[in-house]
PDB file of N, CA and C in Angstrom:
ATOM      1  N   MET A   1      41.504 -26.581  63.689  1.00  0.00           N
ATOM      2  CA  MET A   1      40.616 -27.113  64.721  1.00  0.00           C
ATOM      3  C   MET A   1      41.106 -28.507  65.099  1.00  0.00           C
ATOM      4  N   SER A   2      41.173 -28.774  66.384  1.00  0.00           N
ATOM      5  CA  SER A   2      41.570 -30.088  66.858  1.00  0.00           C
ATOM      6  C   SER A   2      40.354 -31.019  66.893  1.00  0.00           C
ATOM      7  N   LYS A   3      40.633 -32.315  67.020  1.00  0.00           N
ATOM      8  CA  LYS A   3      39.544 -33.288  67.037  1.00  0.00           C
ATOM      9  C   LYS A   3      39.732 -34.240  68.203  1.00  0.00           C
ATOM     10  N   LEU A   4      38.624 -34.576  68.837  1.00  0.00           N
ATOM     11  CA  LEU A   4      38.613 -35.527  69.930  1.00  0.00           C
ATOM     12  C   LEU A   4      37.606 -36.617  69.615  1.00  0.00           C
ATOM     13  N   VAL A   5      38.045 -37.861  69.726  1.00  0.00           N
ATOM     14  CA  VAL A   5      37.172 -39.013  69.500  1.00  0.00           C
ATOM     15  C   VAL A   5      37.039 -39.758  70.820  1.00  0.00           C
ATOM     16  N   LEU A   6      35.810 -39.946  71.253  1.00  0.00           N
ATOM     17  CA  LEU A   6      35.530 -40.813  72.384  1.00  0.00           C
ATOM     18  C   LEU A   6      35.169 -42.165  71.793  1.00  0.00           C
ATOM     19  N   HIS A   7      36.024 -43.146  72.011  1.00  0.00           N
ATOM     20  CA  HIS A   7      35.842 -44.489  71.456  1.00  0.00           C
ATOM     21  C   HIS A   7      35.222 -45.357  72.540  1.00  0.00           C
ATOM     22  N   LEU A   8      33.987 -45.752  72.334  1.00  0.00           N
ATOM     23  CA  LEU A   8      33.265 -46.568  73.306  1.00  0.00           C
ATOM     24  C   LEU A   8      33.257 -48.007  72.821  1.00  0.00           C
ATOM     25  N   PHE A   9      33.957 -48.877  73.547  1.00  0.00           N
ATOM     26  CA  PHE A   9      34.069 -50.282  73.172  1.00  0.00           C
ATOM     27  C   PHE A   9      33.361 -51.195  74.173  1.00  0.00           C
ATOM     28  N   HIS A  10      33.559 -50.942  75.436  1.00  0.00           N
ATOM     29  CA  HIS A  10      33.047 -51.841  76.476  1.00  0.00           C
ATOM     30  C   HIS A  10      31.558 -51.633  76.730  1.00  0.00           C
ATOM     31  N   ASP A  11      30.876 -52.705  77.119  1.00  0.00           N
ATOM     32  CA  ASP A  11      29.430 -52.605  77.353  1.00  0.00           C
ATOM     33  C   ASP A  11      29.071 -52.713  78.829  1.00  0.00           C
ATOM     34  N   ASP A  12      30.053 -52.445  79.713  1.00  0.00           N
ATOM     35  CA  ASP A  12      29.720 -52.425  81.136  1.00  0.00           C
ATOM     36  C   ASP A  12      28.971 -51.130  81.462  1.00  0.00           C
ATOM     37  N   GLY A  13      28.232 -51.147  82.545  1.00  0.00           N
ATOM     38  CA  GLY A  13      27.391 -50.005  82.906  1.00  0.00           C
ATOM     39  C   GLY A  13      28.150 -48.697  83.015  1.00  0.00           C
ATOM     40  N   ALA A  14      29.338 -48.732  83.602  1.00  0.00           N
ATOM     41  CA  ALA A  14      30.112 -47.499  83.773  1.00  0.00           C
ATOM     42  C   ALA A  14      30.516 -46.905  82.426  1.00  0.00           C
ATOM     43  N   SER A  15      30.970 -47.737  81.512  1.00  0.00           N
ATOM     44  CA  SER A  15      31.375 -47.244  80.189  1.00  0.00           C
ATOM     45  C   SER A  15      30.179 -46.713  79.408  1.00  0.00           C
ATOM     46  N   LEU A  16      29.059 -47.454  79.452  1.00  0.00           N
ATOM     47  CA  LEU A  16      27.864 -47.045  78.698  1.00  0.00           C
ATOM     48  C   LEU A  16      27.273 -45.743  79.204  1.00  0.00           C
ATOM     49  N   SER A  17      27.470 -45.431  80.475  1.00  0.00           N
ATOM     50  CA  SER A  17      26.931 -44.175  80.993  1.00  0.00           C
ATOM     51  C   SER A  17      27.948 -43.039  80.934  1.00  0.00           C
ATOM     52  N   THR A  18      29.218 -43.351  81.132  1.00  0.00           N
ATOM     53  CA  THR A  18      30.234 -42.296  81.209  1.00  0.00           C
ATOM     54  C   THR A  18      30.549 -41.660  79.867  1.00  0.00           C
ATOM     55  N   ALA A  19      30.797 -42.463  78.848  1.00  0.00           N
ATOM     56  CA  ALA A  19      31.204 -41.903  77.549  1.00  0.00           C
ATOM     57  C   ALA A  19      30.134 -40.969  76.965  1.00  0.00           C
ATOM     58  N   PRO A  20      28.858 -41.369  76.906  1.00  0.00           N
ATOM     59  CA  PRO A  20      27.859 -40.438  76.371  1.00  0.00           C
ATOM     60  C   PRO A  20      27.673 -39.191  77.246  1.00  0.00           C
ATOM     61  N   ALA A  21      27.750 -39.363  78.567  1.00  0.00           N
ATOM     62  CA  ALA A  21      27.599 -38.208  79.461  1.00  0.00           C
ATOM     63  C   ALA A  21      28.746 -37.228  79.262  1.00  0.00           C
ATOM     64  N   LEU A  22      29.969 -37.744  79.124  1.00  0.00           N
ATOM     65  CA  LEU A  22      31.118 -36.886  78.873  1.00  0.00           C
ATOM     66  C   LEU A  22      30.972 -36.186  77.531  1.00  0.00           C
ATOM     67  N   ALA A  23      30.545 -36.908  76.507  1.00  0.00           N
ATOM     68  CA  ALA A  23      30.337 -36.297  75.188  1.00  0.00           C
ATOM     69  C   ALA A  23      29.337 -35.149  75.283  1.00  0.00           C
ATOM     70  N   GLU A  24      28.268 -35.355  76.020  1.00  0.00           N
ATOM     71  CA  GLU A  24      27.259 -34.297  76.160  1.00  0.00           C
ATOM     72  C   GLU A  24      27.825 -33.080  76.881  1.00  0.00           C
ATOM     73  N   ARG A  25      28.545 -33.315  77.971  1.00  0.00           N
ATOM     74  CA  ARG A  25      29.118 -32.185  78.715  1.00  0.00           C
ATOM     75  C   ARG A  25      30.137 -31.434  77.870  1.00  0.00           C
ATOM     76  N   MET A  26      30.948 -32.157  77.127  1.00  0.00           N
ATOM     77  CA  MET A  26      31.938 -31.504  76.269  1.00  0.00           C
ATOM     78  C   MET A  26      31.261 -30.698  75.160  1.00  0.00           C
ATOM     79  N   HIS A  27      30.219 -31.263  74.593  1.00  0.00           N
ATOM     80  CA  HIS A  27      29.496 -30.587  73.516  1.00  0.00           C
ATOM     81  C   HIS A  27      28.851 -29.298  74.019  1.00  0.00           C
ATOM     82  N   GLN A  28      28.365 -29.322  75.243  1.00  0.00           N
ATOM     83  CA  GLN A  28      27.650 -28.169  75.794  1.00  0.00           C
ATOM     84  C   GLN A  28      28.569 -27.163  76.485  1.00  0.00           C
ATOM     85  N   ALA A  29      29.832 -27.514  76.696  1.00  0.00           N
ATOM     86  CA  ALA A  29      30.753 -26.628  77.402  1.00  0.00           C
ATOM     87  C   ALA A  29      31.043 -25.374  76.578  1.00  0.00           C
ATOM     88  N   PRO A  30      31.174 -24.231  77.246  1.00  0.00           N
ATOM     89  CA  PRO A  30      31.557 -23.014  76.526  1.00  0.00           C
ATOM     90  C   PRO A  30      32.895 -23.238  75.824  1.00  0.00           C
ATOM     91  N   GLY A  31      32.962 -22.863  74.569  1.00  0.00           N
ATOM     92  CA  GLY A  31      34.183 -23.050  73.796  1.00  0.00           C
ATOM     93  C   GLY A  31      34.353 -24.469  73.274  1.00  0.00           C
ATOM     94  N   GLY A  32      33.376 -25.327  73.526  1.00  0.00           N
ATOM     95  CA  GLY A  32      33.460 -26.715  73.079  1.00  0.00           C
ATOM     96  C   GLY A  32      33.516 -26.847  71.572  1.00  0.00           C
ATOM     97  N   SER A  33      33.019 -25.856  70.858  1.00  0.00           N
ATOM     98  CA  SER A  33      33.017 -25.930  69.399  1.00  0.00           C
ATOM     99  C   SER A  33      34.414 -25.749  68.813  1.00  0.00           C
ATOM    100  N   ALA A  34      35.400 -25.376  69.656  1.00  0.00           N
ATOM    101  CA  ALA A  34      36.767 -25.235  69.169  1.00  0.00           C
ATOM    102  C   ALA A  34      37.387 -26.596  68.871  1.00  0.00           C
ATOM    103  N   THR A  35      36.780 -27.646  69.390  1.00  0.00           N
ATOM    104  CA  THR A  35      37.259 -29.004  69.157  1.00  0.00           C
ATOM    105  C   THR A  35      36.154 -29.815  68.502  1.00  0.00           C
ATOM    106  N   ALA A  36      36.462 -30.434  67.372  1.00  0.00           N
ATOM    107  CA  ALA A  36      35.497 -31.330  66.745  1.00  0.00           C
ATOM    108  C   ALA A  36      35.380 -32.564  67.623  1.00  0.00           C
ATOM    109  N   LEU A  37      34.172 -33.037  67.831  1.00  0.00           N
ATOM    110  CA  LEU A  37      33.912 -34.160  68.727  1.00  0.00           C
ATOM    111  C   LEU A  37      33.193 -35.263  67.972  1.00  0.00           C
ATOM    112  N   GLU A  38      33.642 -36.492  68.165  1.00  0.00           N
ATOM    113  CA  GLU A  38      32.986 -37.653  67.573  1.00  0.00           C
ATOM    114  C   GLU A  38      32.931 -38.749  68.621  1.00  0.00           C
ATOM    115  N   LEU A  39      31.824 -39.433  68.687  1.00  0.00           N
ATOM    116  CA  LEU A  39      31.680 -40.615  69.538  1.00  0.00           C
ATOM    117  C   LEU A  39      31.630 -41.819  68.608  1.00  0.00           C
ATOM    118  N   TYR A  40      32.659 -42.698  68.712  1.00  0.00           N
ATOM    119  CA  TYR A  40      32.721 -43.888  67.866  1.00  0.00           C
ATOM    120  C   TYR A  40      32.394 -45.095  68.735  1.00  0.00           C
ATOM    121  N   ILE A  41      31.305 -45.784  68.399  1.00  0.00           N
ATOM    122  CA  ILE A  41      30.828 -46.936  69.173  1.00  0.00           C
ATOM    123  C   ILE A  41      31.145 -48.201  68.390  1.00  0.00           C
ATOM    124  N   PHE A  42      31.820 -49.139  69.067  1.00  0.00           N
ATOM    125  CA  PHE A  42      32.333 -50.317  68.383  1.00  0.00           C
ATOM    126  C   PHE A  42      32.301 -51.509  69.340  1.00  0.00           C
ATOM    127  N   GLY A  43      32.334 -52.700  68.793  1.00  0.00           N
ATOM    128  CA  GLY A  43      32.449 -53.905  69.608  1.00  0.00           C
ATOM    129  C   GLY A  43      31.244 -54.154  70.496  1.00  0.00           C
ATOM    130  N   PRO A  44      31.489 -54.594  71.727  1.00  0.00           N
ATOM    131  CA  PRO A  44      30.383 -54.912  72.634  1.00  0.00           C
ATOM    132  C   PRO A  44      29.436 -53.724  72.867  1.00  0.00           C
ATOM    133  N   ALA A  45      29.965 -52.507  72.889  1.00  0.00           N
ATOM    134  CA  ALA A  45      29.102 -51.337  73.089  1.00  0.00           C
ATOM    135  C   ALA A  45      28.126 -51.165  71.926  1.00  0.00           C
ATOM    136  N   GLU A  46      28.551 -51.539  70.735  1.00  0.00           N
ATOM    137  CA  GLU A  46      27.642 -51.465  69.589  1.00  0.00           C
ATOM    138  C   GLU A  46      26.530 -52.498  69.733  1.00  0.00           C
ATOM    139  N   GLY A  47      26.858 -53.624  70.336  1.00  0.00           N
ATOM    140  CA  GLY A  47      25.828 -54.615  70.649  1.00  0.00           C
ATOM    141  C   GLY A  47      24.795 -54.059  71.607  1.00  0.00           C
ATOM    142  N   ALA A  48      25.250 -53.275  72.580  1.00  0.00           N
ATOM    143  CA  ALA A  48      24.318 -52.637  73.524  1.00  0.00           C
ATOM    144  C   ALA A  48      23.433 -51.622  72.808  1.00  0.00           C
ATOM    145  N   LEU A  49      23.979 -50.990  71.791  1.00  0.00           N
ATOM    146  CA  LEU A  49      23.211 -50.033  70.999  1.00  0.00           C
ATOM    147  C   LEU A  49      22.160 -50.743  70.151  1.00  0.00           C
ATOM    148  N   ALA A  50      22.503 -51.935  69.692  1.00  0.00           N
ATOM    149  CA  ALA A  50      21.608 -52.687  68.807  1.00  0.00           C
ATOM    150  C   ALA A  50      20.534 -53.457  69.566  1.00  0.00           C
ATOM    151  N   THR A  51      20.782 -53.761  70.834  1.00  0.00           N
ATOM    152  CA  THR A  51      19.837 -54.579  71.612  1.00  0.00           C
ATOM    153  C   THR A  51      19.550 -53.920  72.958  1.00  0.00           C
ATOM    154  N   PRO A  52      18.691 -52.915  72.963  1.00  0.00           N
ATOM    155  CA  PRO A  52      18.403 -52.193  74.206  1.00  0.00           C
ATOM    156  C   PRO A  52      17.383 -52.931  75.080  1.00  0.00           C
ATOM    157  N   ASP A  53      17.740 -54.166  75.477  1.00  0.00           N
ATOM    158  CA  ASP A  53      16.784 -55.007  76.183  1.00  0.00           C
ATOM    159  C   ASP A  53      16.896 -54.945  77.705  1.00  0.00           C
ATOM    160  N   GLN A  54      17.890 -54.227  78.216  1.00  0.00           N
ATOM    161  CA  GLN A  54      18.051 -54.094  79.657  1.00  0.00           C
ATOM    162  C   GLN A  54      17.924 -52.620  80.020  1.00  0.00           C
ATOM    163  N   LEU A  55      17.613 -52.348  81.280  1.00  0.00           N
ATOM    164  CA  LEU A  55      17.386 -50.975  81.721  1.00  0.00           C
ATOM    165  C   LEU A  55      18.569 -50.064  81.409  1.00  0.00           C
ATOM    166  N   GLU A  56      19.801 -50.496  81.739  1.00  0.00           N
ATOM    167  CA  GLU A  56      20.953 -49.623  81.480  1.00  0.00           C
ATOM    168  C   GLU A  56      21.179 -49.441  79.984  1.00  0.00           C
ATOM    169  N   ARG A  57      20.824 -50.442  79.184  1.00  0.00           N
ATOM    170  CA  ARG A  57      20.961 -50.300  77.732  1.00  0.00           C
ATOM    171  C   ARG A  57      19.905 -49.349  77.179  1.00  0.00           C
ATOM    172  N   LYS A  58      18.725 -49.338  77.758  1.00  0.00           N
ATOM    173  CA  LYS A  58      17.692 -48.384  77.327  1.00  0.00           C
ATOM    174  C   LYS A  58      18.141 -46.966  77.619  1.00  0.00           C
ATOM    175  N   ALA A  59      18.718 -46.746  78.797  1.00  0.00           N
ATOM    176  CA  ALA A  59      19.218 -45.415  79.152  1.00  0.00           C
ATOM    177  C   ALA A  59      20.351 -45.008  78.222  1.00  0.00           C
ATOM    178  N   PHE A  60      21.246 -45.946  77.917  1.00  0.00           N
ATOM    179  CA  PHE A  60      22.352 -45.689  76.996  1.00  0.00           C
ATOM    180  C   PHE A  60      21.825 -45.279  75.623  1.00  0.00           C
ATOM    181  N   ASN A  61      20.865 -46.019  75.103  1.00  0.00           N
ATOM    182  CA  ASN A  61      20.284 -45.698  73.797  1.00  0.00           C
ATOM    183  C   ASN A  61      19.621 -44.329  73.809  1.00  0.00           C
ATOM    184  N   ALA A  62      18.946 -43.985  74.881  1.00  0.00           N
ATOM    185  CA  ALA A  62      18.331 -42.659  74.992  1.00  0.00           C
ATOM    186  C   ALA A  62      19.400 -41.569  74.981  1.00  0.00           C
ATOM    187  N   GLN A  63      20.513 -41.815  75.665  1.00  0.00           N
ATOM    188  CA  GLN A  63      21.613 -40.847  75.663  1.00  0.00           C
ATOM    189  C   GLN A  63      22.173 -40.668  74.255  1.00  0.00           C
ATOM    190  N   ILE A  64      22.335 -41.753  73.532  1.00  0.00           N
ATOM    191  CA  ILE A  64      22.887 -41.673  72.175  1.00  0.00           C
ATOM    192  C   ILE A  64      21.935 -40.899  71.269  1.00  0.00           C
ATOM    193  N   ASP A  65      20.648 -41.194  71.345  1.00  0.00           N
ATOM    194  CA  ASP A  65      19.676 -40.461  70.521  1.00  0.00           C
ATOM    195  C   ASP A  65      19.687 -38.973  70.858  1.00  0.00           C
ATOM    196  N   SER A  66      19.841 -38.642  72.123  1.00  0.00           N
ATOM    197  CA  SER A  66      19.908 -37.243  72.533  1.00  0.00           C
ATOM    198  C   SER A  66      21.150 -36.567  71.953  1.00  0.00           C
ATOM    199  N   LEU A  67      22.279 -37.251  71.989  1.00  0.00           N
ATOM    200  CA  LEU A  67      23.507 -36.685  71.413  1.00  0.00           C
ATOM    201  C   LEU A  67      23.348 -36.402  69.925  1.00  0.00           C
ATOM    202  N   VAL A  68      22.768 -37.356  69.202  1.00  0.00           N
ATOM    203  CA  VAL A  68      22.550 -37.166  67.765  1.00  0.00           C
ATOM    204  C   VAL A  68      21.653 -35.943  67.541  1.00  0.00           C
ATOM    205  N   GLN A  69      20.593 -35.817  68.329  1.00  0.00           N
ATOM    206  CA  GLN A  69      19.680 -34.672  68.194  1.00  0.00           C
ATOM    207  C   GLN A  69      20.377 -33.351  68.500  1.00  0.00           C
ATOM    208  N   GLN A  70      21.384 -33.399  69.372  1.00  0.00           N
ATOM    209  CA  GLN A  70      22.130 -32.181  69.718  1.00  0.00           C
ATOM    210  C   GLN A  70      23.208 -31.844  68.690  1.00  0.00           C
ATOM    211  N   GLY A  71      23.408 -32.729  67.719  1.00  0.00           N
ATOM    212  CA  GLY A  71      24.385 -32.468  66.673  1.00  0.00           C
ATOM    213  C   GLY A  71      25.753 -33.084  66.894  1.00  0.00           C
ATOM    214  N   VAL A  72      25.874 -33.973  67.882  1.00  0.00           N
ATOM    215  CA  VAL A  72      27.144 -34.669  68.096  1.00  0.00           C
ATOM    216  C   VAL A  72      27.267 -35.762  67.038  1.00  0.00           C
ATOM    217  N   HIS A  73      28.452 -35.881  66.448  1.00  0.00           N
ATOM    218  CA  HIS A  73      28.694 -36.886  65.414  1.00  0.00           C
ATOM    219  C   HIS A  73      28.878 -38.237  66.104  1.00  0.00           C
ATOM    220  N   VAL A  74      27.914 -39.136  65.940  1.00  0.00           N
ATOM    221  CA  VAL A  74      27.962 -40.481  66.510  1.00  0.00           C
ATOM    222  C   VAL A  74      28.112 -41.465  65.359  1.00  0.00           C
ATOM    223  N   THR A  75      29.123 -42.331  65.474  1.00  0.00           N
ATOM    224  CA  THR A  75      29.444 -43.290  64.414  1.00  0.00           C
ATOM    225  C   THR A  75      29.536 -44.690  65.009  1.00  0.00           C
ATOM    226  N   THR A  76      29.120 -45.679  64.225  1.00  0.00           N
ATOM    227  CA  THR A  76      29.299 -47.082  64.597  1.00  0.00           C
ATOM    228  C   THR A  76      29.919 -47.822  63.424  1.00  0.00           C
ATOM    229  N   CYS A  77      30.372 -49.036  63.698  1.00  0.00           N
ATOM    230  CA  CYS A  77      30.972 -49.870  62.662  1.00  0.00           C
ATOM    231  C   CYS A  77      29.878 -50.484  61.784  1.00  0.00           C
ATOM    232  N   ILE A  78      29.970 -50.263  60.501  1.00  0.00           N
ATOM    233  CA  ILE A  78      28.953 -50.788  59.587  1.00  0.00           C
ATOM    234  C   ILE A  78      28.954 -52.311  59.555  1.00  0.00           C
ATOM    235  N   GLY A  79      30.131 -52.922  59.667  1.00  0.00           N
ATOM    236  CA  GLY A  79      30.195 -54.386  59.643  1.00  0.00           C
ATOM    237  C   GLY A  79      29.441 -55.010  60.800  1.00  0.00           C
ATOM    238  N   LEU A  80      29.618 -54.454  61.984  1.00  0.00           N
ATOM    239  CA  LEU A  80      28.884 -54.971  63.144  1.00  0.00           C
ATOM    240  C   LEU A  80      27.402 -54.636  63.052  1.00  0.00           C
ATOM    241  N   ALA A  81      27.084 -53.445  62.550  1.00  0.00           N
ATOM    242  CA  ALA A  81      25.675 -53.080  62.386  1.00  0.00           C
ATOM    243  C   ALA A  81      24.980 -54.093  61.484  1.00  0.00           C
ATOM    244  N   GLN A  82      25.645 -54.488  60.418  1.00  0.00           N
ATOM    245  CA  GLN A  82      25.081 -55.491  59.518  1.00  0.00           C
ATOM    246  C   GLN A  82      24.960 -56.839  60.222  1.00  0.00           C
ATOM    247  N   LYS A  83      25.983 -57.206  60.993  1.00  0.00           N
ATOM    248  CA  LYS A  83      25.959 -58.469  61.732  1.00  0.00           C
ATOM    249  C   LYS A  83      24.784 -58.512  62.710  1.00  0.00           C
ATOM    250  N   PHE A  84      24.519 -57.386  63.367  1.00  0.00           N
ATOM    251  CA  PHE A  84      23.421 -57.302  64.331  1.00  0.00           C
ATOM    252  C   PHE A  84      22.065 -57.079  63.656  1.00  0.00           C
ATOM    253  N   GLY A  85      22.050 -56.879  62.333  1.00  0.00           N
ATOM    254  CA  GLY A  85      20.803 -56.580  61.630  1.00  0.00           C
ATOM    255  C   GLY A  85      20.259 -55.208  61.985  1.00  0.00           C
ATOM    256  N   ALA A  86      21.167 -54.277  62.323  1.00  0.00           N
ATOM    257  CA  ALA A  86      20.751 -52.967  62.825  1.00  0.00           C
ATOM    258  C   ALA A  86      21.118 -51.807  61.904  1.00  0.00           C
ATOM    259  N   GLU A  87      21.648 -52.095  60.726  1.00  0.00           N
ATOM    260  CA  GLU A  87      22.112 -51.024  59.841  1.00  0.00           C
ATOM    261  C   GLU A  87      21.014 -50.002  59.537  1.00  0.00           C
ATOM    262  N   ALA A  88      19.864 -50.456  59.104  1.00  0.00           N
ATOM    263  CA  ALA A  88      18.770 -49.531  58.763  1.00  0.00           C
ATOM    264  C   ALA A  88      18.292 -48.770  59.996  1.00  0.00           C
ATOM    265  N   ALA A  89      18.207 -49.449  61.123  1.00  0.00           N
ATOM    266  CA  ALA A  89      17.757 -48.790  62.357  1.00  0.00           C
ATOM    267  C   ALA A  89      18.746 -47.712  62.789  1.00  0.00           C
ATOM    268  N   PHE A  90      20.046 -48.000  62.695  1.00  0.00           N
ATOM    269  CA  PHE A  90      21.045 -46.999  63.061  1.00  0.00           C
ATOM    270  C   PHE A  90      20.958 -45.790  62.134  1.00  0.00           C
ATOM    271  N   ARG A  91      20.848 -46.043  60.844  1.00  0.00           N
ATOM    272  CA  ARG A  91      20.739 -44.929  59.887  1.00  0.00           C
ATOM    273  C   ARG A  91      19.500 -44.082  60.184  1.00  0.00           C
ATOM    274  N   ALA A  92      18.389 -44.742  60.493  1.00  0.00           N
ATOM    275  CA  ALA A  92      17.146 -44.015  60.794  1.00  0.00           C
ATOM    276  C   ALA A  92      17.299 -43.146  62.038  1.00  0.00           C
ATOM    277  N   ARG A  93      18.156 -43.540  62.939  1.00  0.00           N
ATOM    278  CA  ARG A  93      18.397 -42.774  64.165  1.00  0.00           C
ATOM    279  C   ARG A  93      19.400 -41.648  63.953  1.00  0.00           C
ATOM    280  N   GLY A  94      19.980 -41.547  62.760  1.00  0.00           N
ATOM    281  CA  GLY A  94      20.940 -40.489  62.470  1.00  0.00           C
ATOM    282  C   GLY A  94      22.366 -40.837  62.840  1.00  0.00           C
ATOM    283  N   ILE A  95      22.630 -42.111  63.061  1.00  0.00           N
ATOM    284  CA  ILE A  95      23.961 -42.574  63.400  1.00  0.00           C
ATOM    285  C   ILE A  95      24.724 -42.864  62.104  1.00  0.00           C
ATOM    286  N   THR A  96      25.944 -42.371  62.005  1.00  0.00           N
ATOM    287  CA  THR A  96      26.793 -42.607  60.845  1.00  0.00           C
ATOM    288  C   THR A  96      27.395 -44.000  60.938  1.00  0.00           C
ATOM    289  N   LEU A  97      27.543 -44.660  59.813  1.00  0.00           N
ATOM    290  CA  LEU A  97      28.135 -46.000  59.772  1.00  0.00           C
ATOM    291  C   LEU A  97      29.439 -45.951  58.983  1.00  0.00           C
ATOM    292  N   GLU A  98      30.512 -46.470  59.595  1.00  0.00           N
ATOM    293  CA  GLU A  98      31.816 -46.511  58.931  1.00  0.00           C
ATOM    294  C   GLU A  98      32.603 -47.686  59.498  1.00  0.00           C
ATOM    295  N   SER A  99      33.220 -48.425  58.625  1.00  0.00           N
ATOM    296  CA  SER A  99      34.031 -49.561  59.041  1.00  0.00           C
ATOM    297  C   SER A  99      35.126 -49.119  59.998  1.00  0.00           C
ATOM    298  N   ALA A 100      35.354 -49.897  61.046  1.00  0.00           N
ATOM    299  CA  ALA A 100      36.456 -49.606  61.970  1.00  0.00           C
ATOM    300  C   ALA A 100      37.788 -49.615  61.228  1.00  0.00           C
ATOM    301  N   ALA A 101      37.888 -50.463  60.201  1.00  0.00           N
ATOM    302  CA  ALA A 101      39.118 -50.543  59.415  1.00  0.00           C
ATOM    303  C   ALA A 101      39.414 -49.238  58.683  1.00  0.00           C
ATOM    304  N   LEU A 102      38.400 -48.420  58.474  1.00  0.00           N
ATOM    305  CA  LEU A 102      38.587 -47.101  57.858  1.00  0.00           C
ATOM    306  C   LEU A 102      38.577 -45.983  58.892  1.00  0.00           C
ATOM    307  N   ALA A 103      37.793 -46.151  59.938  1.00  0.00           N
ATOM    308  CA  ALA A 103      37.645 -45.089  60.935  1.00  0.00           C
ATOM    309  C   ALA A 103      38.942 -44.816  61.692  1.00  0.00           C
ATOM    310  N   PHE A 104      39.596 -45.865  62.180  1.00  0.00           N
ATOM    311  CA  PHE A 104      40.793 -45.638  62.975  1.00  0.00           C
ATOM    312  C   PHE A 104      41.933 -45.014  62.181  1.00  0.00           C
ATOM    313  N   PRO A 105      42.179 -45.449  60.939  1.00  0.00           N
ATOM    314  CA  PRO A 105      43.177 -44.722  60.131  1.00  0.00           C
ATOM    315  C   PRO A 105      42.761 -43.269  59.863  1.00  0.00           C
ATOM    316  N   ARG A 106      41.462 -43.035  59.718  1.00  0.00           N
ATOM    317  CA  ARG A 106      40.979 -41.650  59.530  1.00  0.00           C
ATOM    318  C   ARG A 106      41.296 -40.816  60.759  1.00  0.00           C
ATOM    319  N   PHE A 107      41.078 -41.378  61.948  1.00  0.00           N
ATOM    320  CA  PHE A 107      41.394 -40.638  63.175  1.00  0.00           C
ATOM    321  C   PHE A 107      42.874 -40.260  63.199  1.00  0.00           C
ATOM    322  N   ALA A 108      43.739 -41.197  62.787  1.00  0.00           N
ATOM    323  CA  ALA A 108      45.170 -40.915  62.754  1.00  0.00           C
ATOM    324  C   ALA A 108      45.482 -39.820  61.733  1.00  0.00           C
ATOM    325  N   ALA A 109      44.870 -39.902  60.553  1.00  0.00           N
ATOM    326  CA  ALA A 109      45.105 -38.898  59.508  1.00  0.00           C
ATOM    327  C   ALA A 109      44.629 -37.514  59.942  1.00  0.00           C
ATOM    328  N   GLU A 110      43.587 -37.486  60.771  1.00  0.00           N
ATOM    329  CA  GLU A 110      43.055 -36.219  61.276  1.00  0.00           C
ATOM    330  C   GLU A 110      43.816 -35.728  62.512  1.00  0.00           C
ATOM    331  N   ALA A 111      44.809 -36.484  62.937  1.00  0.00           N
ATOM    332  CA  ALA A 111      45.569 -36.168  64.154  1.00  0.00           C
ATOM    333  C   ALA A 111      44.649 -36.006  65.347  1.00  0.00           C
ATOM    334  N   ALA A 112      43.623 -36.848  65.389  1.00  0.00           N
ATOM    335  CA  ALA A 112      42.647 -36.793  66.476  1.00  0.00           C
ATOM    336  C   ALA A 112      43.225 -37.424  67.744  1.00  0.00           C
ATOM    337  N   THR A 113      42.771 -36.917  68.860  1.00  0.00           N
ATOM    338  CA  THR A 113      43.061 -37.550  70.138  1.00  0.00           C
ATOM    339  C   THR A 113      41.931 -38.533  70.386  1.00  0.00           C
ATOM    340  N   VAL A 114      42.269 -39.778  70.657  1.00  0.00           N
ATOM    341  CA  VAL A 114      41.264 -40.826  70.863  1.00  0.00           C
ATOM    342  C   VAL A 114      41.332 -41.272  72.320  1.00  0.00           C
ATOM    343  N   ILE A 115      40.194 -41.203  73.005  1.00  0.00           N
ATOM    344  CA  ILE A 115      40.077 -41.665  74.391  1.00  0.00           C
ATOM    345  C   ILE A 115      39.111 -42.830  74.376  1.00  0.00           C
ATOM    346  N   SER A 116      39.554 -43.948  74.924  1.00  0.00           N
ATOM    347  CA  SER A 116      38.740 -45.169  74.873  1.00  0.00           C
ATOM    348  C   SER A 116      38.088 -45.480  76.214  1.00  0.00           C
ATOM    349  N   PHE A 117      36.868 -45.981  76.108  1.00  0.00           N
ATOM    350  CA  PHE A 117      36.100 -46.417  77.285  1.00  0.00           C
ATOM    351  C   PHE A 117      35.722 -47.873  77.097  1.00  0.00           C
TER     352      PHE A 117
END
């Protein structure tokens, strides 16, 4: 089975809406289960996940919660989650926490294709 990682780094409106929407469409596509899918949220985008204080950030957070409920593997950096004081909140939402220093080498070891937003 191949693996695809959507790496969401930027916190601009287009990135925050496109990456989760693409993840949802890929997850729901016929035959989508032939490829393992992970959404890795890091950097400024993780800040948007931790502080949903603007309208587009609220929509982004709702999209992420929906993906988790649908069974999409959503991961964030534990170091940033701790920095933002959001570790417990992310865990409660079903988001996996893994250091970027471990996640990116894991993606390479898994021969995953990584697409960044």
